[in-house]
Full PDB file with SEQRES, HELIX, SHEET, SSBOND, CRYST1, ORIGX, SCALE, CONECT and MASTER records, all heavy atoms in Angstrom:
SEQRES   1 A   36  LEU ASP ALA GLU LEU LEU ALA GLY PHE VAL GLN ARG LEU          
SEQRES   2 A   36  GLY THR VAL ASP LEU ASP GLU PRO ARG ILE CYS GLY ARG          
SEQRES   3 A   36  LEU VAL ASP ALA GLY ALA ARG ALA VAL LYS                      
HELIX    1 AA1 ASP A    2  LEU A   13  1                                  12    
HELIX    2 AA2 ILE A   23  VAL A   35  1                                  13    
CRYST1    1.000    1.000    1.000  90.00  90.00  90.00 P 1           1          
ORIGX1      1.000000  0.000000  0.000000        0.00000                         
ORIGX2      0.000000  1.000000  0.000000        0.00000                         
ORIGX3      0.000000  0.000000  1.000000        0.00000                         
SCALE1      1.000000  0.000000  0.000000        0.00000                         
SCALE2      0.000000  1.000000  0.000000        0.00000                         
SCALE3      0.000000  0.000000  1.000000        0.00000                         
ATOM      1  N   LEU A   1       0.830  -1.214   0.014  1.00  0.00           N  
ATOM      2  CA  LEU A   1       0.007   0.012   0.003  1.00  0.00           C  
ATOM      3  C   LEU A   1       0.864   1.235   0.000  1.00  0.00           C  
ATOM      4  O   LEU A   1       0.547   2.246  -0.705  1.00  0.00           O  
ATOM      5  CB  LEU A   1      -0.932   0.013   1.220  1.00  0.00           C  
ATOM      6  CG  LEU A   1      -1.902  -1.161   1.370  1.00  0.00           C  
ATOM      7  CD1 LEU A   1      -2.826  -0.937   2.567  1.00  0.00           C  
ATOM      8  CD2 LEU A   1      -2.727  -1.327   0.089  1.00  0.00           C  
ATOM      9  N   ASP A   2       1.936   1.230   0.784  1.00  0.00           N  
ATOM     10  CA  ASP A   2       2.838   2.399   0.827  1.00  0.00           C  
ATOM     11  C   ASP A   2       3.453   2.660  -0.530  1.00  0.00           C  
ATOM     12  O   ASP A   2       3.625   3.822  -0.949  1.00  0.00           O  
ATOM     13  CB  ASP A   2       3.938   2.165   1.866  1.00  0.00           C  
ATOM     14  CG  ASP A   2       3.429   2.114   3.296  1.00  0.00           C  
ATOM     15  OD1 ASP A   2       2.245   2.494   3.479  1.00  0.00           O  
ATOM     16  OD2 ASP A   2       4.156   1.701   4.191  1.00  0.00           O  
ATOM     17  N   ALA A   3       3.794   1.611  -1.230  1.00  0.00           N  
ATOM     18  CA  ALA A   3       4.381   1.786  -2.586  1.00  0.00           C  
ATOM     19  C   ALA A   3       3.361   2.415  -3.524  1.00  0.00           C  
ATOM     20  O   ALA A   3       3.707   3.291  -4.332  1.00  0.00           O  
ATOM     21  CB  ALA A   3       4.849   0.425  -3.125  1.00  0.00           C  
ATOM     22  N   GLU A   4       2.108   1.994  -3.441  1.00  0.00           N  
ATOM     23  CA  GLU A   4       1.056   2.600  -4.276  1.00  0.00           C  
ATOM     24  C   GLU A   4       0.861   4.054  -3.890  1.00  0.00           C  
ATOM     25  O   GLU A   4       0.648   4.923  -4.775  1.00  0.00           O  
ATOM     26  CB  GLU A   4      -0.246   1.823  -4.085  1.00  0.00           C  
ATOM     27  CG  GLU A   4      -0.237   0.396  -4.603  1.00  0.00           C  
ATOM     28  CD  GLU A   4      -0.283   0.338  -6.128  1.00  0.00           C  
ATOM     29  OE1 GLU A   4      -0.490   1.379  -6.764  1.00  0.00           O  
ATOM     30  OE2 GLU A   4      -0.101  -0.766  -6.650  1.00  0.00           O  
ATOM     31  N   LEU A   5       0.915   4.344  -2.603  1.00  0.00           N  
ATOM     32  CA  LEU A   5       0.745   5.731  -2.134  1.00  0.00           C  
ATOM     33  C   LEU A   5       1.854   6.633  -2.716  1.00  0.00           C  
ATOM     34  O   LEU A   5       1.556   7.722  -3.228  1.00  0.00           O  
ATOM     35  CB  LEU A   5       0.818   5.764  -0.604  1.00  0.00           C  
ATOM     36  CG  LEU A   5       0.649   7.109   0.095  1.00  0.00           C  
ATOM     37  CD1 LEU A   5      -0.739   7.667  -0.101  1.00  0.00           C  
ATOM     38  CD2 LEU A   5       0.961   6.973   1.591  1.00  0.00           C  
ATOM     39  N   LEU A   6       3.079   6.199  -2.657  1.00  0.00           N  
ATOM     40  CA  LEU A   6       4.177   6.982  -3.205  1.00  0.00           C  
ATOM     41  C   LEU A   6       4.069   7.109  -4.720  1.00  0.00           C  
ATOM     42  O   LEU A   6       4.336   8.188  -5.271  1.00  0.00           O  
ATOM     43  CB  LEU A   6       5.519   6.337  -2.832  1.00  0.00           C  
ATOM     44  CG  LEU A   6       5.956   6.472  -1.367  1.00  0.00           C  
ATOM     45  CD1 LEU A   6       7.235   5.710  -1.123  1.00  0.00           C  
ATOM     46  CD2 LEU A   6       6.162   7.955  -1.009  1.00  0.00           C  
ATOM     47  N   ALA A   7       3.685   6.008  -5.390  1.00  0.00           N  
ATOM     48  CA  ALA A   7       3.593   6.080  -6.847  1.00  0.00           C  
ATOM     49  C   ALA A   7       2.540   7.079  -7.299  1.00  0.00           C  
ATOM     50  O   ALA A   7       2.730   7.852  -8.228  1.00  0.00           O  
ATOM     51  CB  ALA A   7       3.283   4.677  -7.382  1.00  0.00           C  
ATOM     52  N   GLY A   8       1.398   7.051  -6.591  1.00  0.00           N  
ATOM     53  CA  GLY A   8       0.329   7.990  -6.937  1.00  0.00           C  
ATOM     54  C   GLY A   8       0.743   9.442  -6.681  1.00  0.00           C  
ATOM     55  O   GLY A   8       0.447  10.351  -7.464  1.00  0.00           O  
ATOM     56  N   PHE A   9       1.441   9.664  -5.574  1.00  0.00           N  
ATOM     57  CA  PHE A   9       1.928  11.000  -5.219  1.00  0.00           C  
ATOM     58  C   PHE A   9       2.903  11.509  -6.288  1.00  0.00           C  
ATOM     59  O   PHE A   9       2.769  12.619  -6.811  1.00  0.00           O  
ATOM     60  CB  PHE A   9       2.598  10.946  -3.867  1.00  0.00           C  
ATOM     61  CG  PHE A   9       3.168  12.236  -3.372  1.00  0.00           C  
ATOM     62  CD1 PHE A   9       2.457  13.056  -2.519  1.00  0.00           C  
ATOM     63  CD2 PHE A   9       4.446  12.667  -3.765  1.00  0.00           C  
ATOM     64  CE1 PHE A   9       2.974  14.254  -2.054  1.00  0.00           C  
ATOM     65  CE2 PHE A   9       4.976  13.854  -3.298  1.00  0.00           C  
ATOM     66  CZ  PHE A   9       4.247  14.647  -2.446  1.00  0.00           C  
ATOM     67  N   VAL A  10       3.889  10.670  -6.635  1.00  0.00           N  
ATOM     68  CA  VAL A  10       4.927  11.093  -7.579  1.00  0.00           C  
ATOM     69  C   VAL A  10       4.338  11.331  -8.967  1.00  0.00           C  
ATOM     70  O   VAL A  10       4.703  12.286  -9.662  1.00  0.00           O  
ATOM     71  CB  VAL A  10       6.056  10.052  -7.612  1.00  0.00           C  
ATOM     72  CG1 VAL A  10       7.042  10.326  -8.762  1.00  0.00           C  
ATOM     73  CG2 VAL A  10       6.811  10.047  -6.277  1.00  0.00           C  
ATOM     74  N   GLN A  11       3.435  10.457  -9.385  1.00  0.00           N  
ATOM     75  CA  GLN A  11       2.824  10.638 -10.694  1.00  0.00           C  
ATOM     76  C   GLN A  11       2.068  11.958 -10.781  1.00  0.00           C  
ATOM     77  O   GLN A  11       2.094  12.672 -11.775  1.00  0.00           O  
ATOM     78  CB  GLN A  11       1.880   9.477 -10.990  1.00  0.00           C  
ATOM     79  CG  GLN A  11       1.262   9.542 -12.383  1.00  0.00           C  
ATOM     80  CD  GLN A  11       0.389   8.336 -12.664  1.00  0.00           C  
ATOM     81  OE1 GLN A  11      -0.136   7.680 -11.766  1.00  0.00           O  
ATOM     82  NE2 GLN A  11       0.217   8.012 -13.940  1.00  0.00           N  
ATOM     83  N   ARG A  12       1.395  12.306  -9.675  1.00  0.00           N  
ATOM     84  CA  ARG A  12       0.592  13.547  -9.678  1.00  0.00           C  
ATOM     85  C   ARG A  12       1.490  14.791  -9.659  1.00  0.00           C  
ATOM     86  O   ARG A  12       1.035  15.871 -10.056  1.00  0.00           O  
ATOM     87  CB  ARG A  12      -0.317  13.532  -8.441  1.00  0.00           C  
ATOM     88  CG  ARG A  12      -1.325  14.665  -8.432  1.00  0.00           C  
ATOM     89  CD  ARG A  12      -2.428  14.417  -9.428  1.00  0.00           C  
ATOM     90  NE  ARG A  12      -3.518  15.373  -9.279  1.00  0.00           N  
ATOM     91  CZ  ARG A  12      -3.854  16.273 -10.200  1.00  0.00           C  
ATOM     92  NH1 ARG A  12      -3.248  16.287 -11.351  1.00  0.00           N  
ATOM     93  NH2 ARG A  12      -4.857  17.117  -9.968  1.00  0.00           N  
ATOM     94  N   LEU A  13       2.732  14.648  -9.228  1.00  0.00           N  
ATOM     95  CA  LEU A  13       3.642  15.802  -9.258  1.00  0.00           C  
ATOM     96  C   LEU A  13       3.716  16.413 -10.653  1.00  0.00           C  
ATOM     97  O   LEU A  13       3.890  17.647 -10.807  1.00  0.00           O  
ATOM     98  CB  LEU A  13       5.050  15.363  -8.835  1.00  0.00           C  
ATOM     99  CG  LEU A  13       5.357  15.319  -7.344  1.00  0.00           C  
ATOM    100  CD1 LEU A  13       6.742  14.721  -7.120  1.00  0.00           C  
ATOM    101  CD2 LEU A  13       5.275  16.704  -6.676  1.00  0.00           C  
ATOM    102  N   GLY A  14       3.620  15.597 -11.662  1.00  0.00           N  
ATOM    103  CA  GLY A  14       3.756  16.076 -13.027  1.00  0.00           C  
ATOM    104  C   GLY A  14       2.553  16.764 -13.583  1.00  0.00           C  
ATOM    105  O   GLY A  14       2.647  17.441 -14.623  1.00  0.00           O  
ATOM    106  N   THR A  15       1.394  16.620 -12.936  1.00  0.00           N  
ATOM    107  CA  THR A  15       0.147  17.140 -13.501  1.00  0.00           C  
ATOM    108  C   THR A  15      -0.631  18.072 -12.580  1.00  0.00           C  
ATOM    109  O   THR A  15      -1.569  18.702 -13.040  1.00  0.00           O  
ATOM    110  CB  THR A  15      -0.772  15.978 -13.931  1.00  0.00           C  
ATOM    111  OG1 THR A  15      -1.077  15.190 -12.772  1.00  0.00           O  
ATOM    112  CG2 THR A  15      -0.077  15.094 -14.990  1.00  0.00           C  
ATOM    113  N   VAL A  16      -0.287  18.127 -11.304  1.00  0.00           N  
ATOM    114  CA  VAL A  16      -1.100  18.900 -10.369  1.00  0.00           C  
ATOM    115  C   VAL A  16      -1.141  20.361 -10.799  1.00  0.00           C  
ATOM    116  O   VAL A  16      -0.127  20.945 -11.223  1.00  0.00           O  
ATOM    117  CB  VAL A  16      -0.566  18.735  -8.934  1.00  0.00           C  
ATOM    118  CG1 VAL A  16       0.815  19.389  -8.772  1.00  0.00           C  
ATOM    119  CG2 VAL A  16      -1.521  19.314  -7.921  1.00  0.00           C  
ATOM    120  N   ASP A  17      -2.317  20.974 -10.700  1.00  0.00           N  
ATOM    121  CA  ASP A  17      -2.511  22.377 -11.075  1.00  0.00           C  
ATOM    122  C   ASP A  17      -1.949  23.275  -9.970  1.00  0.00           C  
ATOM    123  O   ASP A  17      -2.430  23.292  -8.824  1.00  0.00           O  
ATOM    124  CB  ASP A  17      -4.001  22.645 -11.263  1.00  0.00           C  
ATOM    125  CG  ASP A  17      -4.291  24.026 -11.832  1.00  0.00           C  
ATOM    126  OD1 ASP A  17      -3.387  24.895 -11.843  1.00  0.00           O  
ATOM    127  OD2 ASP A  17      -5.407  24.244 -12.325  1.00  0.00           O  
ATOM    128  N   LEU A  18      -0.952  24.054 -10.314  1.00  0.00           N  
ATOM    129  CA  LEU A  18      -0.280  24.910  -9.335  1.00  0.00           C  
ATOM    130  C   LEU A  18      -1.028  26.195  -9.051  1.00  0.00           C  
ATOM    131  O   LEU A  18      -0.646  26.953  -8.132  1.00  0.00           O  
ATOM    132  CB  LEU A  18       1.171  25.223  -9.789  1.00  0.00           C  
ATOM    133  CG  LEU A  18       2.046  24.012 -10.010  1.00  0.00           C  
ATOM    134  CD1 LEU A  18       3.458  24.470 -10.400  1.00  0.00           C  
ATOM    135  CD2 LEU A  18       2.088  23.141  -8.778  1.00  0.00           C  
ATOM    136  N   ASP A  19      -2.104  26.467  -9.783  1.00  0.00           N  
ATOM    137  CA  ASP A  19      -2.904  27.655  -9.523  1.00  0.00           C  
ATOM    138  C   ASP A  19      -4.049  27.390  -8.571  1.00  0.00           C  
ATOM    139  O   ASP A  19      -4.728  28.319  -8.160  1.00  0.00           O  
ATOM    140  CB  ASP A  19      -3.478  28.218 -10.852  1.00  0.00           C  
ATOM    141  CG  ASP A  19      -2.369  28.734 -11.740  1.00  0.00           C  
ATOM    142  OD1 ASP A  19      -1.388  29.281 -11.220  1.00  0.00           O  
ATOM    143  OD2 ASP A  19      -2.496  28.587 -12.992  1.00  0.00           O  
ATOM    144  N   GLU A  20      -4.271  26.132  -8.217  1.00  0.00           N  
ATOM    145  CA  GLU A  20      -5.330  25.756  -7.284  1.00  0.00           C  
ATOM    146  C   GLU A  20      -4.731  25.617  -5.875  1.00  0.00           C  
ATOM    147  O   GLU A  20      -3.554  25.314  -5.720  1.00  0.00           O  
ATOM    148  CB  GLU A  20      -5.980  24.440  -7.730  1.00  0.00           C  
ATOM    149  CG  GLU A  20      -6.768  24.538  -9.014  1.00  0.00           C  
ATOM    150  CD  GLU A  20      -8.020  25.391  -8.880  1.00  0.00           C  
ATOM    151  OE1 GLU A  20      -8.637  25.368  -7.798  1.00  0.00           O  
ATOM    152  OE2 GLU A  20      -8.343  26.117  -9.841  1.00  0.00           O  
ATOM    153  N   PRO A  21      -5.550  25.827  -4.832  1.00  0.00           N  
ATOM    154  CA  PRO A  21      -5.052  25.688  -3.453  1.00  0.00           C  
ATOM    155  C   PRO A  21      -4.851  24.208  -3.083  1.00  0.00           C  
ATOM    156  O   PRO A  21      -5.183  23.309  -3.837  1.00  0.00           O  
ATOM    157  CB  PRO A  21      -6.153  26.319  -2.601  1.00  0.00           C  
ATOM    158  CG  PRO A  21      -7.392  26.145  -3.411  1.00  0.00           C  
ATOM    159  CD  PRO A  21      -6.952  26.264  -4.868  1.00  0.00           C  
ATOM    160  N   ARG A  22      -4.271  23.987  -1.882  1.00  0.00           N  
ATOM    161  CA  ARG A  22      -4.061  22.641  -1.329  1.00  0.00           C  
ATOM    162  C   ARG A  22      -3.180  21.795  -2.240  1.00  0.00           C  
ATOM    163  O   ARG A  22      -3.523  20.646  -2.567  1.00  0.00           O  
ATOM    164  CB  ARG A  22      -5.396  21.913  -1.099  1.00  0.00           C  
ATOM    165  CG  ARG A  22      -6.261  22.403   0.006  1.00  0.00           C  
ATOM    166  CD  ARG A  22      -7.444  21.472   0.213  1.00  0.00           C  
ATOM    167  NE  ARG A  22      -7.014  20.146   0.584  1.00  0.00           N  
ATOM    168  CZ  ARG A  22      -7.093  19.081  -0.243  1.00  0.00           C  
ATOM    169  NH1 ARG A  22      -7.579  19.186  -1.458  1.00  0.00           N  
ATOM    170  NH2 ARG A  22      -6.656  17.894   0.177  1.00  0.00           N  
ATOM    171  N   ILE A  23      -2.076  22.320  -2.686  1.00  0.00           N  
ATOM    172  CA  ILE A  23      -1.224  21.553  -3.594  1.00  0.00           C  
ATOM    173  C   ILE A  23      -0.762  20.259  -2.927  1.00  0.00           C  
ATOM    174  O   ILE A  23      -0.917  19.165  -3.492  1.00  0.00           O  
ATOM    175  CB  ILE A  23      -0.019  22.412  -4.034  1.00  0.00           C  
ATOM    176  CG1 ILE A  23      -0.514  23.574  -4.899  1.00  0.00           C  
ATOM    177  CG2 ILE A  23       0.976  21.548  -4.834  1.00  0.00           C  
ATOM    178  CD1 ILE A  23       0.587  24.556  -5.268  1.00  0.00           C  
ATOM    179  N   CYS A  24      -0.219  20.356  -1.721  1.00  0.00           N  
ATOM    180  CA  CYS A  24       0.256  19.146  -1.048  1.00  0.00           C  
ATOM    181  C   CYS A  24      -0.889  18.200  -0.774  1.00  0.00           C  
ATOM    182  O   CYS A  24      -0.777  16.983  -0.958  1.00  0.00           O  
ATOM    183  CB  CYS A  24       0.968  19.513   0.251  1.00  0.00           C  
ATOM    184  SG  CYS A  24       1.664  18.088   1.128  1.00  0.00           S  
ATOM    185  N   GLY A  25      -2.014  18.742  -0.288  1.00  0.00           N  
ATOM    186  CA  GLY A  25      -3.168  17.885  -0.023  1.00  0.00           C  
ATOM    187  C   GLY A  25      -3.655  17.111  -1.236  1.00  0.00           C  
ATOM    188  O   GLY A  25      -4.009  15.954  -1.142  1.00  0.00           O  
ATOM    189  N   ARG A  26      -3.631  17.794  -2.409  1.00  0.00           N  
ATOM    190  CA  ARG A  26      -4.080  17.114  -3.621  1.00  0.00           C  
ATOM    191  C   ARG A  26      -3.093  16.061  -4.094  1.00  0.00           C  
ATOM    192  O   ARG A  26      -3.462  15.045  -4.671  1.00  0.00           O  
ATOM    193  CB  ARG A  26      -4.372  18.164  -4.715  1.00  0.00           C  
ATOM    194  CG  ARG A  26      -5.680  18.924  -4.453  1.00  0.00           C  
ATOM    195  CD  ARG A  26      -6.035  19.881  -5.549  1.00  0.00           C  
ATOM    196  NE  ARG A  26      -5.181  21.059  -5.520  1.00  0.00           N  
ATOM    197  CZ  ARG A  26      -4.427  21.503  -6.506  1.00  0.00           C  
ATOM    198  NH1 ARG A  26      -4.396  20.812  -7.643  1.00  0.00           N  
ATOM    199  NH2 ARG A  26      -3.716  22.616  -6.411  1.00  0.00           N  
ATOM    200  N   LEU A  27      -1.811  16.301  -3.818  1.00  0.00           N  
ATOM    201  CA  LEU A  27      -0.788  15.269  -4.144  1.00  0.00           C  
ATOM    202  C   LEU A  27      -0.999  14.030  -3.275  1.00  0.00           C  
ATOM    203  O   LEU A  27      -0.955  12.905  -3.751  1.00  0.00           O  
ATOM    204  CB  LEU A  27       0.610  15.841  -3.927  1.00  0.00           C  
ATOM    205  CG  LEU A  27       1.053  16.918  -4.923  1.00  0.00           C  
ATOM    206  CD1 LEU A  27       2.348  17.584  -4.439  1.00  0.00           C  
ATOM    207  CD2 LEU A  27       1.256  16.326  -6.295  1.00  0.00           C  
ATOM    208  N   VAL A  28      -1.198  14.246  -1.968  1.00  0.00           N  
ATOM    209  CA  VAL A  28      -1.437  13.129  -1.058  1.00  0.00           C  
ATOM    210  C   VAL A  28      -2.765  12.415  -1.399  1.00  0.00           C  
ATOM    211  O   VAL A  28      -2.858  11.198  -1.355  1.00  0.00           O  
ATOM    212  CB  VAL A  28      -1.431  13.600   0.406  1.00  0.00           C  
ATOM    213  CG1 VAL A  28      -1.813  12.465   1.339  1.00  0.00           C  
ATOM    214  CG2 VAL A  28      -0.084  14.166   0.789  1.00  0.00           C  
ATOM    215  N   ASP A  29      -3.782  13.220  -1.775  1.00  0.00           N  
ATOM    216  CA  ASP A  29      -5.052  12.640  -2.187  1.00  0.00           C  
ATOM    217  C   ASP A  29      -4.872  11.681  -3.371  1.00  0.00           C  
ATOM    218  O   ASP A  29      -5.480  10.624  -3.429  1.00  0.00           O  
ATOM    219  CB  ASP A  29      -6.032  13.741  -2.595  1.00  0.00           C  
ATOM    220  CG  ASP A  29      -6.533  14.558  -1.399  1.00  0.00           C  
ATOM    221  OD1 ASP A  29      -6.267  14.150  -0.269  1.00  0.00           O  
ATOM    222  OD2 ASP A  29      -7.173  15.597  -1.612  1.00  0.00           O  
ATOM    223  N   ALA A  30      -4.018  12.102  -4.323  1.00  0.00           N  
ATOM    224  CA  ALA A  30      -3.757  11.262  -5.480  1.00  0.00           C  
ATOM    225  C   ALA A  30      -3.133   9.932  -5.079  1.00  0.00           C  
ATOM    226  O   ALA A  30      -3.469   8.860  -5.597  1.00  0.00           O  
ATOM    227  CB  ALA A  30      -2.869  11.966  -6.489  1.00  0.00           C  
ATOM    228  N   GLY A  31      -2.197  10.005  -4.119  1.00  0.00           N  
ATOM    229  CA  GLY A  31      -1.605   8.770  -3.580  1.00  0.00           C  
ATOM    230  C   GLY A  31      -2.651   7.899  -2.910  1.00  0.00           C  
ATOM    231  O   GLY A  31      -2.636   6.662  -3.097  1.00  0.00           O  
ATOM    232  N   ALA A  32      -3.530   8.509  -2.149  1.00  0.00           N  
ATOM    233  CA  ALA A  32      -4.558   7.749  -1.470  1.00  0.00           C  
ATOM    234  C   ALA A  32      -5.528   7.094  -2.455  1.00  0.00           C  
ATOM    235  O   ALA A  32      -5.971   5.957  -2.235  1.00  0.00           O  
ATOM    236  CB  ALA A  32      -5.352   8.669  -0.507  1.00  0.00           C  
ATOM    237  N   ARG A  33      -5.845   7.778  -3.545  1.00  0.00           N  
ATOM    238  CA  ARG A  33      -6.705   7.182  -4.553  1.00  0.00           C  
ATOM    239  C   ARG A  33      -6.018   5.972  -5.190  1.00  0.00           C  
ATOM    240  O   ARG A  33      -6.699   4.968  -5.478  1.00  0.00           O  
ATOM    241  CB  ARG A  33      -7.092   8.211  -5.605  1.00  0.00           C  
ATOM    242  CG  ARG A  33      -8.144   9.210  -5.174  1.00  0.00           C  
ATOM    243  CD  ARG A  33      -8.671   9.993  -6.350  1.00  0.00           C  
ATOM    244  NE  ARG A  33      -7.668  10.866  -6.927  1.00  0.00           N  
ATOM    245  CZ  ARG A  33      -7.427  12.104  -6.528  1.00  0.00           C  
ATOM    246  NH1 ARG A  33      -8.109  12.593  -5.501  1.00  0.00           N  
ATOM    247  NH2 ARG A  33      -6.489  12.846  -7.103  1.00  0.00           N  
ATOM    248  N   ALA A  34      -4.729   6.063  -5.399  1.00  0.00           N  
ATOM    249  CA  ALA A  34      -4.002   4.927  -5.951  1.00  0.00           C  
ATOM    250  C   ALA A  34      -4.081   3.736  -4.991  1.00  0.00           C  
ATOM    251  O   ALA A  34      -4.233   2.579  -5.436  1.00  0.00           O  
ATOM    252  CB  ALA A  34      -2.542   5.296  -6.214  1.00  0.00           C  
ATOM    253  N   VAL A  35      -3.975   3.986  -3.698  1.00  0.00           N  
ATOM    254  CA  VAL A  35      -4.076   2.902  -2.715  1.00  0.00           C  
ATOM    255  C   VAL A  35      -5.468   2.315  -2.733  1.00  0.00           C  
ATOM    256  O   VAL A  35      -5.642   1.086  -2.704  1.00  0.00           O  
ATOM    257  CB  VAL A  35      -3.740   3.422  -1.312  1.00  0.00           C  
ATOM    258  CG1 VAL A  35      -4.002   2.358  -0.263  1.00  0.00           C  
ATOM    259  CG2 VAL A  35      -2.274   3.865  -1.237  1.00  0.00           C  
ATOM    260  N   LYS A  36      -6.492   3.144  -2.784  1.00  0.00           N  
ATOM    261  CA  LYS A  36      -7.864   2.657  -2.783  1.00  0.00           C  
ATOM    262  C   LYS A  36      -8.126   1.776  -4.014  1.00  0.00           C  
ATOM    263  O   LYS A  36      -8.738   0.701  -3.922  1.00  0.00           O  
ATOM    264  CB  LYS A  36      -8.860   3.809  -2.760  1.00  0.00           C  
ATOM    265  CG  LYS A  36     -10.313   3.325  -2.770  1.00  0.00           C  
ATOM    266  CD  LYS A  36     -11.257   4.477  -2.774  1.00  0.00           C  
ATOM    267  CE  LYS A  36     -12.701   3.998  -2.809  1.00  0.00           C  
ATOM    268  NZ  LYS A  36     -13.025   3.213  -3.994  1.00  0.00           N  
TER     269      LYS A  36                                                      
MASTER        0    0    0    2    0    0    0    6  268    1    0    3          
END                                                                             
């Protein structure tokens, strides 16, 4: 699960919208979705 969490986080680094708030939260959310 931890590996999926990191993979989702790192993948989202390349696409996350930097003009929207909660940048870190949205990166972690992407990792959590990968785990789910």
